[in-house]
Amino acid sequence: MSSLLRSLPLLALLLLALSCVDAGGDSGRDTAHAAIVDNEPAAAGGTPMNVVCTTAMIAEMASAIGGEHVNVQLIIPAGSDSHAFVASAADRQAMAAATLVFANGLGLEAGLAPELEQARQSGRLVELTRDIDNDRLLTSSAYGGQPDPHVWLNVELWRKAADTLRNALLEQEPALDGYFATRYADYYMDLMQLDTRLLDLGSSLTDSQRVLVTNLHGSNYLASTQRFELMALTTGDIAELDKPQKLEGLADYLVERKVPSVFLDGNVPAERIAALQDACRKRGLKLANTTGLNLDGPPDAQTTFHESLLTDMRSIVTALGADLTLLDKVWQEEDAQ
C-alpha cells in the first residue's frame, strides 16, 4: 500500500505545487443569506477584495488561497442543491458588487444563470473549470451528453481549478504573488494528501469488489479515478424498475457480481429499493443501500471538502467489503509524525 506523501519529501511537494501554477489565466429570501467566510483581518495598509463564490467548496478554496486579502461571500449554502438554487435579492446585490465571482461552470449553477451571465459580461466571472482540458471532462446522460460539472470528484482536476482561482486573484493583485503562491502551495498539498488517501482507500478493495451501482451525480469522475466498474442509474432507469424485467435484470447483475451494496439517494422511492432488495434476497444475496453520501459537496458549514470526500469514499469502500484496519494504523502513524 504505497502512498505518494510517504515517497516525496515535504520540500519536493512544495516545489511541485508551485511549479503547477499556470503563468496566467483567462482574464423568503429577500433577507441576506449570502454567507461570509471569515478570514484574518486584512494586513495593514491593504484593502481586501470582495469575492463571491457560488459553492462552499469554492469559498473554502478562495479563503485558503486568498487569506486576509479577500472577503469571501458564499451564495449557495453548504448542503443545498447547486443545480436548482435561485438567487435572492441579497445574493444578486452581492454578486453585482463583487470584484470577482467564482463559479464552477459547466452548468452546475443553472439557477444562477442570469446573474452569472451578468458577471461574465462585465468581465468579473471566473469559471474554475475553464482551464481543464476538454478531453479530461466526462460526459453524462444526466446532462444530455454534455460534460458533467462534478469535476471535484477527480481531485487532480480540482487542483487545476485551484490554479485558475489563484491566477485570477493574482491578476487583480500582482504585488501579492508571493503571498498567494505560499498559500496556494499549502492548499495544493492538502489536495495532494486527499488524493493519495482516496487512492489508498480504493486500493483496499479487490478488483472484483470495485463495482459501483448508484444514481449519484458525478459518480463517473469517482469511478474513473478509482477504477470502478460503474453502473450509473438515471432517473429513467430508476422509473423502469417498476417493470419486472428491468428489476430482475438488475438483480441478476448484482447477484452475479456479488455486490453487497448499492448507493441510491432519497430521490429513489423506498418501495423500489425494497423490491430490488427482495429480488436479490430470493437469489441468495443480502443487498444493502448505503445512503448519506455527499458527493455534491460538504453537507454543512462545519465540514471541509477534504473531510467530506474522504468520509464518502470511506463509506463506499466499507460498504463494498473493504477491511480498513491496516490502513487506519498507517494513517495514524503518518498523522503522528
C-alpha atoms as a PDB file:
ATOM      1  CA  MET A   1       0.000   0.000   0.000  1.00  0.00           C
ATOM      2  CA  SER A   2       2.114   2.873  -1.273  1.00  0.00           C
ATOM      3  CA  SER A   3       1.416   6.473  -0.527  1.00  0.00           C
ATOM      4  CA  LEU A   4       2.585   9.438  -2.583  1.00  0.00           C
ATOM      5  CA  LEU A   5       3.078  11.540   0.523  1.00  0.00           C
ATOM      6  CA  ARG A   6       5.274   8.842   2.049  1.00  0.00           C
ATOM      7  CA  SER A   7       7.525   8.796  -1.004  1.00  0.00           C
ATOM      8  CA  LEU A   8       8.004  12.519  -1.577  1.00  0.00           C
ATOM      9  CA  PRO A   9       9.722  14.802   0.929  1.00  0.00           C
ATOM     10  CA  LEU A  10       7.949  17.952   2.031  1.00  0.00           C
ATOM     11  CA  LEU A  11      10.192  20.235   0.000  1.00  0.00           C
ATOM     12  CA  ALA A  12       9.519  18.274  -3.160  1.00  0.00           C
ATOM     13  CA  LEU A  13       5.781  18.612  -2.648  1.00  0.00           C
ATOM     14  CA  LEU A  14       6.114  22.352  -2.152  1.00  0.00           C
ATOM     15  CA  LEU A  15       8.154  22.697  -5.328  1.00  0.00           C
ATOM     16  CA  LEU A  16       5.657  20.528  -7.198  1.00  0.00           C
ATOM     17  CA  ALA A  17       2.782  22.672  -6.026  1.00  0.00           C
ATOM     18  CA  LEU A  18       4.461  25.903  -7.030  1.00  0.00           C
ATOM     19  CA  SER A  19       5.512  24.517 -10.412  1.00  0.00           C
ATOM     20  CA  CYS A  20       1.902  23.570 -11.204  1.00  0.00           C
ATOM     21  CA  VAL A  21       0.732  27.175 -11.075  1.00  0.00           C
ATOM     22  CA  ASP A  22      -0.041  28.447 -14.567  1.00  0.00           C
ATOM     23  CA  ALA A  23       1.745  31.575 -15.625  1.00  0.00           C
ATOM     24  CA  GLY A  24      -1.580  33.297 -16.135  1.00  0.00           C
ATOM     25  CA  GLY A  25      -5.297  32.802 -16.506  1.00  0.00           C
ATOM     26  CA  ASP A  26      -8.280  33.918 -18.571  1.00  0.00           C
ATOM     27  CA  SER A  27      -8.975  37.184 -17.977  1.00  0.00           C
ATOM     28  CA  GLY A  28     -38.485  34.263   1.532  1.00  0.00           C
ATOM     29  CA  ARG A  29     -35.264  35.037   0.698  1.00  0.00           C
ATOM     30  CA  ASP A  30     -35.035  38.812   0.419  1.00  0.00           C
ATOM     31  CA  THR A  31     -33.117  38.786   3.694  1.00  0.00           C
ATOM     32  CA  ALA A  32     -29.386  38.385   3.281  1.00  0.00           C
ATOM     33  CA  HIS A  33     -28.344  34.741   3.358  1.00  0.00           C
ATOM     34  CA  ALA A  34     -25.090  35.093   1.427  1.00  0.00           C
ATOM     35  CA  ALA A  35     -22.673  33.699   3.962  1.00  0.00           C
ATOM     36  CA  ILE A  36     -19.413  35.465   4.758  1.00  0.00           C
ATOM     37  CA  VAL A  37     -16.444  33.145   5.193  1.00  0.00           C
ATOM     38  CA  ASP A  38     -14.288  34.501   7.999  1.00  0.00           C
ATOM     39  CA  ASN A  39     -10.644  35.279   7.318  1.00  0.00           C
ATOM     40  CA  GLU A  40      -7.999  37.012   9.376  1.00  0.00           C
ATOM     41  CA  PRO A  41      -8.054  40.833   9.435  1.00  0.00           C
ATOM     42  CA  ALA A  42      -6.558  42.471   6.384  1.00  0.00           C
ATOM     43  CA  ALA A  43      -2.900  43.377   6.567  1.00  0.00           C
ATOM     44  CA  ALA A  44      -2.090  46.938   7.490  1.00  0.00           C
ATOM     45  CA  GLY A  45      -2.438  49.224   4.502  1.00  0.00           C
ATOM     46  CA  GLY A  46      -4.278  46.632   2.416  1.00  0.00           C
ATOM     47  CA  THR A  47      -7.922  46.531   1.383  1.00  0.00           C
ATOM     48  CA  PRO A  48      -9.262  43.005   0.865  1.00  0.00           C
ATOM     49  CA  MET A  49     -11.021  42.432  -2.428  1.00  0.00           C
ATOM     50  CA  ASN A  50     -14.627  41.289  -2.278  1.00  0.00           C
ATOM     51  CA  VAL A  51     -15.151  37.955  -3.987  1.00  0.00           C
ATOM     52  CA  VAL A  52     -18.340  35.942  -4.328  1.00  0.00           C
ATOM     53  CA  CYS A  53     -18.261  32.147  -4.558  1.00  0.00           C
ATOM     54  CA  THR A  54     -21.192  30.058  -5.692  1.00  0.00           C
ATOM     55  CA  THR A  55     -20.471  26.877  -3.704  1.00  0.00           C
ATOM     56  CA  ALA A  56     -18.991  26.032  -0.312  1.00  0.00           C
ATOM     57  CA  MET A  57     -16.056  24.180  -1.893  1.00  0.00           C
ATOM     58  CA  ILE A  58     -15.126  27.211  -3.968  1.00  0.00           C
ATOM     59  CA  ALA A  59     -15.486  29.522  -0.963  1.00  0.00           C
ATOM     60  CA  GLU A  60     -13.180  27.243   1.011  1.00  0.00           C
ATOM     61  CA  MET A  61     -10.630  27.348  -1.805  1.00  0.00           C
ATOM     62  CA  ALA A  62     -10.808  31.139  -2.147  1.00  0.00           C
ATOM     63  CA  SER A  63     -10.318  31.614   1.594  1.00  0.00           C
ATOM     64  CA  ALA A  64      -7.426  29.152   1.676  1.00  0.00           C
ATOM     65  CA  ILE A  65      -5.541  30.844  -1.171  1.00  0.00           C
ATOM     66  CA  GLY A  66      -6.644  34.464  -0.724  1.00  0.00           C
ATOM     67  CA  GLY A  67      -6.320  34.575   3.050  1.00  0.00           C
ATOM     68  CA  GLU A  68      -6.579  38.003   4.640  1.00  0.00           C
ATOM     69  CA  HIS A  69      -6.596  39.703   1.255  1.00  0.00           C
ATOM     70  CA  VAL A  70     -10.086  38.534   0.290  1.00  0.00           C
ATOM     71  CA  ASN A  71     -13.535  38.922   1.779  1.00  0.00           C
ATOM     72  CA  VAL A  72     -15.415  35.816   0.673  1.00  0.00           C
ATOM     73  CA  GLN A  73     -19.186  35.643   0.345  1.00  0.00           C
ATOM     74  CA  LEU A  74     -20.908  32.320  -0.272  1.00  0.00           C
ATOM     75  CA  ILE A  75     -24.109  32.239  -2.311  1.00  0.00           C
ATOM     76  CA  ILE A  76     -25.272  28.602  -2.229  1.00  0.00           C
ATOM     77  CA  PRO A  77     -25.200  27.325   1.363  1.00  0.00           C
ATOM     78  CA  ALA A  78     -23.487  24.006   2.066  1.00  0.00           C
ATOM     79  CA  GLY A  79     -25.917  21.139   1.691  1.00  0.00           C
ATOM     80  CA  SER A  80     -28.131  22.970  -0.818  1.00  0.00           C
ATOM     81  CA  ASP A  81     -28.864  21.870  -4.379  1.00  0.00           C
ATOM     82  CA  SER A  82     -26.362  23.725  -6.560  1.00  0.00           C
ATOM     83  CA  HIS A  83     -28.379  23.000  -9.701  1.00  0.00           C
ATOM     84  CA  ALA A  84     -31.702  24.408  -8.526  1.00  0.00           C
ATOM     85  CA  PHE A  85     -30.629  27.235  -6.214  1.00  0.00           C
ATOM     86  CA  VAL A  86     -32.082  30.618  -7.231  1.00  0.00           C
ATOM     87  CA  ALA A  87     -30.573  33.931  -6.154  1.00  0.00           C
ATOM     88  CA  SER A  88     -32.341  36.206  -3.699  1.00  0.00           C
ATOM     89  CA  ALA A  89     -32.203  39.999  -3.926  1.00  0.00           C
ATOM     90  CA  ALA A  90     -29.347  39.976  -1.410  1.00  0.00           C
ATOM     91  CA  ASP A  91     -27.462  37.410  -3.495  1.00  0.00           C
ATOM     92  CA  ARG A  92     -27.862  39.482  -6.639  1.00  0.00           C
ATOM     93  CA  GLN A  93     -26.611  42.570  -4.843  1.00  0.00           C
ATOM     94  CA  ALA A  94     -23.560  40.729  -3.517  1.00  0.00           C
ATOM     95  CA  MET A  95     -22.722  39.329  -6.947  1.00  0.00           C
ATOM     96  CA  ALA A  96     -23.097  42.724  -8.600  1.00  0.00           C
ATOM     97  CA  ALA A  97     -20.766  44.376  -6.076  1.00  0.00           C
ATOM     98  CA  ALA A  98     -18.018  41.739  -6.110  1.00  0.00           C
ATOM     99  CA  THR A  99     -14.625  42.270  -7.705  1.00  0.00           C
ATOM    100  CA  LEU A 100     -14.647  38.640  -8.829  1.00  0.00           C
ATOM    101  CA  VAL A 101     -17.369  35.999  -8.999  1.00  0.00           C
ATOM    102  CA  PHE A 102     -16.019  32.460  -8.750  1.00  0.00           C
ATOM    103  CA  ALA A 103     -18.259  29.701 -10.107  1.00  0.00           C
ATOM    104  CA  ASN A 104     -17.816  26.059 -11.020  1.00  0.00           C
ATOM    105  CA  GLY A 105     -19.256  26.394 -14.516  1.00  0.00           C
ATOM    106  CA  LEU A 106     -20.385  23.657 -16.932  1.00  0.00           C
ATOM    107  CA  GLY A 107     -23.973  24.344 -15.947  1.00  0.00           C
ATOM    108  CA  LEU A 108     -23.648  23.336 -12.290  1.00  0.00           C
ATOM    109  CA  GLU A 109     -25.245  26.562 -11.054  1.00  0.00           C
ATOM    110  CA  ALA A 110     -28.140  26.517 -13.529  1.00  0.00           C
ATOM    111  CA  GLY A 111     -30.412  28.504 -11.226  1.00  0.00           C
ATOM    112  CA  LEU A 112     -27.883  31.347 -11.103  1.00  0.00           C
ATOM    113  CA  ALA A 113     -27.511  31.569 -14.889  1.00  0.00           C
ATOM    114  CA  PRO A 114     -28.839  35.163 -15.246  1.00  0.00           C
ATOM    115  CA  GLU A 115     -26.572  36.526 -12.505  1.00  0.00           C
ATOM    116  CA  LEU A 116     -23.542  34.624 -13.765  1.00  0.00           C
ATOM    117  CA  GLU A 117     -24.122  35.899 -17.287  1.00  0.00           C
ATOM    118  CA  GLN A 118     -24.145  39.475 -15.988  1.00  0.00           C
ATOM    119  CA  ALA A 119     -20.847  38.827 -14.218  1.00  0.00           C
ATOM    120  CA  ARG A 120     -19.458  37.321 -17.413  1.00  0.00           C
ATOM    121  CA  GLN A 121     -20.432  40.339 -19.484  1.00  0.00           C
ATOM    122  CA  SER A 122     -18.716  42.656 -17.009  1.00  0.00           C
ATOM    123  CA  GLY A 123     -15.543  40.552 -17.047  1.00  0.00           C
ATOM    124  CA  ARG A 124     -15.805  39.516 -13.391  1.00  0.00           C
ATOM    125  CA  LEU A 125     -16.838  35.870 -13.783  1.00  0.00           C
ATOM    126  CA  VAL A 126     -14.194  33.196 -13.268  1.00  0.00           C
ATOM    127  CA  GLU A 127     -15.404  29.663 -14.008  1.00  0.00           C
ATOM    128  CA  LEU A 128     -12.979  27.309 -12.320  1.00  0.00           C
ATOM    129  CA  THR A 129     -13.464  24.584 -14.925  1.00  0.00           C
ATOM    130  CA  ARG A 130     -12.461  26.805 -17.843  1.00  0.00           C
ATOM    131  CA  ASP A 131      -8.801  25.717 -17.951  1.00  0.00           C
ATOM    132  CA  ILE A 132      -9.464  21.977 -17.696  1.00  0.00           C
ATOM    133  CA  ASP A 133      -8.719  20.224 -20.984  1.00  0.00           C
ATOM    134  CA  ASN A 134     -11.896  19.116 -22.719  1.00  0.00           C
ATOM    135  CA  ASP A 135     -10.623  15.560 -23.032  1.00  0.00           C
ATOM    136  CA  ARG A 136     -10.460  15.334 -19.229  1.00  0.00           C
ATOM    137  CA  LEU A 137     -14.141  16.219 -18.854  1.00  0.00           C
ATOM    138  CA  LEU A 138     -16.524  13.278 -18.684  1.00  0.00           C
ATOM    139  CA  THR A 139     -19.929  13.387 -20.310  1.00  0.00           C
ATOM    140  CA  SER A 140     -23.099  12.195 -18.636  1.00  0.00           C
ATOM    141  CA  SER A 141     -26.521  11.168 -19.854  1.00  0.00           C
ATOM    142  CA  ALA A 142     -27.921  13.177 -16.947  1.00  0.00           C
ATOM    143  CA  TYR A 143     -26.627  16.273 -18.767  1.00  0.00           C
ATOM    144  CA  GLY A 144     -27.722  15.292 -22.244  1.00  0.00           C
ATOM    145  CA  GLY A 145     -24.291  14.021 -23.195  1.00  0.00           C
ATOM    146  CA  GLN A 146     -22.651  17.306 -22.180  1.00  0.00           C
ATOM    147  CA  PRO A 147     -19.700  17.496 -19.744  1.00  0.00           C
ATOM    148  CA  ASP A 148     -20.563  16.554 -16.187  1.00  0.00           C
ATOM    149  CA  PRO A 149     -19.762  19.538 -13.921  1.00  0.00           C
ATOM    150  CA  HIS A 150     -18.851  17.474 -10.817  1.00  0.00           C
ATOM    151  CA  VAL A 151     -15.125  17.707 -11.541  1.00  0.00           C
ATOM    152  CA  TRP A 152     -14.113  17.937  -7.854  1.00  0.00           C
ATOM    153  CA  LEU A 153     -14.630  14.170  -7.582  1.00  0.00           C
ATOM    154  CA  ASN A 154     -11.392  13.900  -9.552  1.00  0.00           C
ATOM    155  CA  VAL A 155      -9.069  15.748  -7.179  1.00  0.00           C
ATOM    156  CA  GLU A 156      -6.452  16.193  -9.900  1.00  0.00           C
ATOM    157  CA  LEU A 157      -8.972  18.299 -11.826  1.00  0.00           C
ATOM    158  CA  TRP A 158      -9.807  20.238  -8.667  1.00  0.00           C
ATOM    159  CA  ARG A 159      -6.123  21.113  -8.359  1.00  0.00           C
ATOM    160  CA  LYS A 160      -6.385  22.594 -11.848  1.00  0.00           C
ATOM    161  CA  ALA A 161      -9.359  24.623 -10.626  1.00  0.00           C
ATOM    162  CA  ALA A 162      -7.158  25.926  -7.804  1.00  0.00           C
ATOM    163  CA  ASP A 163      -4.624  27.076 -10.411  1.00  0.00           C
ATOM    164  CA  THR A 164      -7.360  29.056 -12.137  1.00  0.00           C
ATOM    165  CA  LEU A 165      -8.530  30.715  -8.927  1.00  0.00           C
ATOM    166  CA  ARG A 166      -5.014  31.619  -7.844  1.00  0.00           C
ATOM    167  CA  ASN A 167      -4.252  33.157 -11.241  1.00  0.00           C
ATOM    168  CA  ALA A 168      -7.447  35.219 -11.137  1.00  0.00           C
ATOM    169  CA  LEU A 169      -6.508  36.641  -7.736  1.00  0.00           C
ATOM    170  CA  LEU A 170      -3.014  37.377  -8.987  1.00  0.00           C
ATOM    171  CA  GLU A 171      -4.361  39.317 -11.963  1.00  0.00           C
ATOM    172  CA  GLN A 172      -6.153  41.596  -9.527  1.00  0.00           C
ATOM    173  CA  GLU A 173      -3.233  41.901  -7.086  1.00  0.00           C
ATOM    174  CA  PRO A 174       0.102  41.198  -8.862  1.00  0.00           C
ATOM    175  CA  ALA A 175       2.076  42.500  -5.885  1.00  0.00           C
ATOM    176  CA  LEU A 176       0.758  39.628  -3.767  1.00  0.00           C
ATOM    177  CA  ASP A 177       2.349  36.951  -5.941  1.00  0.00           C
ATOM    178  CA  GLY A 178       4.477  35.535  -3.122  1.00  0.00           C
ATOM    179  CA  TYR A 179       1.616  35.592  -0.622  1.00  0.00           C
ATOM    180  CA  PHE A 180      -0.801  33.799  -2.926  1.00  0.00           C
ATOM    181  CA  ALA A 181       1.879  31.309  -4.029  1.00  0.00           C
ATOM    182  CA  THR A 182       2.653  30.302  -0.449  1.00  0.00           C
ATOM    183  CA  ARG A 183      -0.979  29.800   0.476  1.00  0.00           C
ATOM    184  CA  TYR A 184      -1.656  28.034  -2.811  1.00  0.00           C
ATOM    185  CA  ALA A 185       1.174  25.605  -2.050  1.00  0.00           C
ATOM    186  CA  ASP A 186      -0.376  24.780   1.324  1.00  0.00           C
ATOM    187  CA  TYR A 187      -3.784  24.204  -0.259  1.00  0.00           C
ATOM    188  CA  TYR A 188      -2.243  22.167  -3.070  1.00  0.00           C
ATOM    189  CA  MET A 189      -0.503  19.922  -0.539  1.00  0.00           C
ATOM    190  CA  ASP A 190      -3.813  19.353   1.244  1.00  0.00           C
ATOM    191  CA  LEU A 191      -5.346  18.257  -2.063  1.00  0.00           C
ATOM    192  CA  MET A 192      -2.348  16.003  -2.709  1.00  0.00           C
ATOM    193  CA  GLN A 193      -2.866  14.313   0.649  1.00  0.00           C
ATOM    194  CA  LEU A 194      -6.583  13.966  -0.040  1.00  0.00           C
ATOM    195  CA  ASP A 195      -5.933  12.421  -3.451  1.00  0.00           C
ATOM    196  CA  THR A 196      -3.399   9.998  -2.003  1.00  0.00           C
ATOM    197  CA  ARG A 197      -5.708   8.880   0.779  1.00  0.00           C
ATOM    198  CA  LEU A 198      -8.616   8.429  -1.604  1.00  0.00           C
ATOM    199  CA  LEU A 199      -6.431   6.174  -3.733  1.00  0.00           C
ATOM    200  CA  ASP A 200      -5.321   4.295  -0.613  1.00  0.00           C
ATOM    201  CA  LEU A 201      -8.972   3.686   0.246  1.00  0.00           C
ATOM    202  CA  GLY A 202      -9.695   2.470  -3.261  1.00  0.00           C
ATOM    203  CA  SER A 203      -6.697   0.142  -3.093  1.00  0.00           C
ATOM    204  CA  SER A 204      -8.264  -1.579  -0.095  1.00  0.00           C
ATOM    205  CA  LEU A 205     -10.765  -3.194  -2.486  1.00  0.00           C
ATOM    206  CA  THR A 206     -10.060  -6.202  -4.664  1.00  0.00           C
ATOM    207  CA  ASP A 207     -10.771  -5.903  -8.378  1.00  0.00           C
ATOM    208  CA  SER A 208     -13.936  -7.965  -8.006  1.00  0.00           C
ATOM    209  CA  GLN A 209     -15.220  -5.606  -5.302  1.00  0.00           C
ATOM    210  CA  ARG A 210     -14.870  -2.495  -7.468  1.00  0.00           C
ATOM    211  CA  VAL A 211     -18.477  -2.358  -8.652  1.00  0.00           C
ATOM    212  CA  LEU A 212     -20.344   0.902  -8.052  1.00  0.00           C
ATOM    213  CA  VAL A 213     -24.102   0.966  -8.655  1.00  0.00           C
ATOM    214  CA  THR A 214     -25.535   4.400  -7.960  1.00  0.00           C
ATOM    215  CA  ASN A 215     -27.721   7.251  -9.145  1.00  0.00           C
ATOM    216  CA  LEU A 216     -25.490   9.911  -7.572  1.00  0.00           C
ATOM    217  CA  HIS A 217     -24.353  12.704  -9.877  1.00  0.00           C
ATOM    218  CA  GLY A 218     -20.651  12.862 -10.638  1.00  0.00           C
ATOM    219  CA  SER A 219     -20.004   9.218  -9.863  1.00  0.00           C
ATOM    220  CA  ASN A 220     -18.329   8.845 -13.263  1.00  0.00           C
ATOM    221  CA  TYR A 221     -15.387  11.012 -12.119  1.00  0.00           C
ATOM    222  CA  LEU A 222     -15.015   8.990  -8.936  1.00  0.00           C
ATOM    223  CA  ALA A 223     -15.268   5.725 -10.851  1.00  0.00           C
ATOM    224  CA  SER A 224     -12.630   6.775 -13.376  1.00  0.00           C
ATOM    225  CA  THR A 225     -10.055   7.690 -10.727  1.00  0.00           C
ATOM    226  CA  GLN A 226     -10.745   4.604  -8.607  1.00  0.00           C
ATOM    227  CA  ARG A 227     -11.096   2.098 -11.489  1.00  0.00           C
ATOM    228  CA  PHE A 228     -14.640   1.180 -10.500  1.00  0.00           C
ATOM    229  CA  GLU A 229     -16.947  -0.673 -12.822  1.00  0.00           C
ATOM    230  CA  LEU A 230     -19.781   1.848 -12.817  1.00  0.00           C
ATOM    231  CA  MET A 231     -23.473   1.288 -13.334  1.00  0.00           C
ATOM    232  CA  ALA A 232     -24.840   4.824 -13.268  1.00  0.00           C
ATOM    233  CA  LEU A 233     -28.616   4.706 -12.937  1.00  0.00           C
ATOM    234  CA  THR A 234     -30.508   7.640 -14.432  1.00  0.00           C
ATOM    235  CA  THR A 235     -33.934   8.862 -13.381  1.00  0.00           C
ATOM    236  CA  GLY A 236     -35.336   6.865 -16.293  1.00  0.00           C
ATOM    237  CA  ASP A 237     -33.535   3.722 -15.168  1.00  0.00           C
ATOM    238  CA  ILE A 238     -34.992   4.095 -11.679  1.00  0.00           C
ATOM    239  CA  ALA A 239     -38.500   4.567 -13.081  1.00  0.00           C
ATOM    240  CA  GLU A 240     -38.143   1.409 -15.183  1.00  0.00           C
ATOM    241  CA  LEU A 241     -37.522  -0.682 -12.079  1.00  0.00           C
ATOM    242  CA  ASP A 242     -41.314  -0.792 -11.886  1.00  0.00           C
ATOM    243  CA  LYS A 243     -41.083  -3.202 -14.813  1.00  0.00           C
ATOM    244  CA  PRO A 244     -40.408  -6.778 -13.611  1.00  0.00           C
ATOM    245  CA  GLN A 245     -37.995  -7.475 -16.465  1.00  0.00           C
ATOM    246  CA  LYS A 246     -35.820  -4.467 -15.596  1.00  0.00           C
ATOM    247  CA  LEU A 247     -35.889  -5.217 -11.878  1.00  0.00           C
ATOM    248  CA  GLU A 248     -34.978  -8.858 -12.397  1.00  0.00           C
ATOM    249  CA  GLY A 249     -32.194  -7.911 -14.793  1.00  0.00           C
ATOM    250  CA  LEU A 250     -30.581  -5.560 -12.278  1.00  0.00           C
ATOM    251  CA  ALA A 251     -30.945  -8.157  -9.526  1.00  0.00           C
ATOM    252  CA  ASP A 252     -29.256 -10.765 -11.735  1.00  0.00           C
ATOM    253  CA  TYR A 253     -26.336  -8.398 -12.342  1.00  0.00           C
ATOM    254  CA  LEU A 254     -25.912  -7.622  -8.640  1.00  0.00           C
ATOM    255  CA  VAL A 255     -26.015 -11.293  -7.693  1.00  0.00           C
ATOM    256  CA  GLU A 256     -23.603 -12.307 -10.458  1.00  0.00           C
ATOM    257  CA  ARG A 257     -21.099  -9.646  -9.345  1.00  0.00           C
ATOM    258  CA  LYS A 258     -21.762 -10.317  -5.631  1.00  0.00           C
ATOM    259  CA  VAL A 259     -22.377  -6.623  -4.966  1.00  0.00           C
ATOM    260  CA  PRO A 260     -23.114  -6.130  -1.237  1.00  0.00           C
ATOM    261  CA  SER A 261     -24.450  -2.580  -1.505  1.00  0.00           C
ATOM    262  CA  VAL A 262     -25.877  -0.071  -3.922  1.00  0.00           C
ATOM    263  CA  PHE A 263     -25.792   3.692  -3.378  1.00  0.00           C
ATOM    264  CA  LEU A 264     -29.206   5.175  -4.133  1.00  0.00           C
ATOM    265  CA  ASP A 265     -30.215   8.547  -2.732  1.00  0.00           C
ATOM    266  CA  GLY A 266     -33.501   9.777  -1.305  1.00  0.00           C
ATOM    267  CA  ASN A 267     -34.905  10.510  -4.754  1.00  0.00           C
ATOM    268  CA  VAL A 268     -35.416   6.778  -5.288  1.00  0.00           C
ATOM    269  CA  PRO A 269     -38.774   5.613  -3.892  1.00  0.00           C
ATOM    270  CA  ALA A 270     -38.358   3.323  -0.902  1.00  0.00           C
ATOM    271  CA  GLU A 271     -40.642   0.712  -2.443  1.00  0.00           C
ATOM    272  CA  ARG A 272     -38.346   0.351  -5.476  1.00  0.00           C
ATOM    273  CA  ILE A 273     -35.315  -0.175  -3.265  1.00  0.00           C
ATOM    274  CA  ALA A 274     -37.250  -2.716  -1.200  1.00  0.00           C
ATOM    275  CA  ALA A 275     -38.336  -4.553  -4.352  1.00  0.00           C
ATOM    276  CA  LEU A 276     -34.737  -4.716  -5.577  1.00  0.00           C
ATOM    277  CA  GLN A 277     -33.530  -5.996  -2.215  1.00  0.00           C
ATOM    278  CA  ASP A 278     -36.271  -8.608  -2.185  1.00  0.00           C
ATOM    279  CA  ALA A 279     -35.347  -9.802  -5.681  1.00  0.00           C
ATOM    280  CA  CYS A 280     -31.709 -10.133  -4.601  1.00  0.00           C
ATOM    281  CA  ARG A 281     -32.659 -11.913  -1.380  1.00  0.00           C
ATOM    282  CA  LYS A 282     -34.578 -14.530  -3.369  1.00  0.00           C
ATOM    283  CA  ARG A 283     -31.344 -15.142  -5.290  1.00  0.00           C
ATOM    284  CA  GLY A 284     -29.293 -15.536  -2.111  1.00  0.00           C
ATOM    285  CA  LEU A 285     -27.788 -12.027  -1.905  1.00  0.00           C
ATOM    286  CA  LYS A 286     -28.343  -9.699   1.027  1.00  0.00           C
ATOM    287  CA  LEU A 287     -28.262  -6.253  -0.592  1.00  0.00           C
ATOM    288  CA  ALA A 288     -27.787  -3.061   1.393  1.00  0.00           C
ATOM    289  CA  ASN A 289     -28.396   0.500   0.255  1.00  0.00           C
ATOM    290  CA  THR A 290     -25.771   2.886   1.612  1.00  0.00           C
ATOM    291  CA  THR A 291     -27.150   6.409   1.973  1.00  0.00           C
ATOM    292  CA  GLY A 292     -25.862   9.670   3.384  1.00  0.00           C
ATOM    293  CA  LEU A 293     -23.165  10.313   0.783  1.00  0.00           C
ATOM    294  CA  ASN A 294     -22.457  13.952  -0.081  1.00  0.00           C
ATOM    295  CA  LEU A 295     -20.739  13.787  -3.453  1.00  0.00           C
ATOM    296  CA  ASP A 296     -22.265  17.182  -4.267  1.00  0.00           C
ATOM    297  CA  GLY A 297     -20.071  18.766  -1.599  1.00  0.00           C
ATOM    298  CA  PRO A 298     -19.831  19.273   2.164  1.00  0.00           C
ATOM    299  CA  PRO A 299     -23.184  18.735   3.911  1.00  0.00           C
ATOM    300  CA  ASP A 300     -22.781  21.668   6.290  1.00  0.00           C
ATOM    301  CA  ALA A 301     -20.651  24.723   7.019  1.00  0.00           C
ATOM    302  CA  GLN A 302     -18.546  22.883   9.606  1.00  0.00           C
ATOM    303  CA  THR A 303     -17.330  20.145   7.230  1.00  0.00           C
ATOM    304  CA  THR A 304     -14.446  20.772   4.838  1.00  0.00           C
ATOM    305  CA  PHE A 305     -14.201  19.485   1.286  1.00  0.00           C
ATOM    306  CA  HIS A 306     -11.324  17.222   2.353  1.00  0.00           C
ATOM    307  CA  GLU A 307     -13.319  15.739   5.233  1.00  0.00           C
ATOM    308  CA  SER A 308     -16.489  15.310   3.204  1.00  0.00           C
ATOM    309  CA  LEU A 309     -14.934  13.490   0.262  1.00  0.00           C
ATOM    310  CA  LEU A 310     -12.758  11.296   2.467  1.00  0.00           C
ATOM    311  CA  THR A 311     -15.783  10.319   4.561  1.00  0.00           C
ATOM    312  CA  ASP A 312     -17.801   9.485   1.439  1.00  0.00           C
ATOM    313  CA  MET A 313     -15.045   7.339  -0.037  1.00  0.00           C
ATOM    314  CA  ARG A 314     -14.595   5.550   3.255  1.00  0.00           C
ATOM    315  CA  SER A 315     -18.325   4.793   3.362  1.00  0.00           C
ATOM    316  CA  ILE A 316     -18.234   3.454  -0.195  1.00  0.00           C
ATOM    317  CA  VAL A 317     -15.307   1.070   0.209  1.00  0.00           C
ATOM    318  CA  THR A 318     -16.533  -0.150   3.595  1.00  0.00           C
ATOM    319  CA  ALA A 319     -19.965  -0.909   2.153  1.00  0.00           C
ATOM    320  CA  LEU A 320     -18.303  -2.813  -0.697  1.00  0.00           C
ATOM    321  CA  GLY A 321     -16.411  -5.031   1.737  1.00  0.00           C
ATOM    322  CA  ALA A 322     -13.047  -3.360   2.407  1.00  0.00           C
ATOM    323  CA  ASP A 323     -11.161  -4.001   5.648  1.00  0.00           C
ATOM    324  CA  LEU A 324      -9.551  -0.706   6.675  1.00  0.00           C
ATOM    325  CA  THR A 325      -7.866  -1.881   9.881  1.00  0.00           C
ATOM    326  CA  LEU A 326      -4.323  -1.827   8.494  1.00  0.00           C
ATOM    327  CA  LEU A 327      -4.836   1.386   6.543  1.00  0.00           C
ATOM    328  CA  ASP A 328      -6.131   3.179   9.629  1.00  0.00           C
ATOM    329  CA  LYS A 329      -2.977   2.194  11.512  1.00  0.00           C
ATOM    330  CA  VAL A 330      -0.795   3.525   8.702  1.00  0.00           C
ATOM    331  CA  TRP A 331      -2.674   6.827   8.676  1.00  0.00           C
ATOM    332  CA  GLN A 332      -2.423   7.150  12.442  1.00  0.00           C
ATOM    333  CA  GLU A 333       1.347   6.748  12.193  1.00  0.00           C
ATOM    334  CA  GLU A 334       1.509   9.353   9.423  1.00  0.00           C
ATOM    335  CA  ASP A 335      -0.583  11.849  11.349  1.00  0.00           C
ATOM    336  CA  ALA A 336       1.550  11.386  14.461  1.00  0.00           C
ATOM    337  CA  GLN A 337       4.722  12.401  12.624  1.00  0.00           C
END
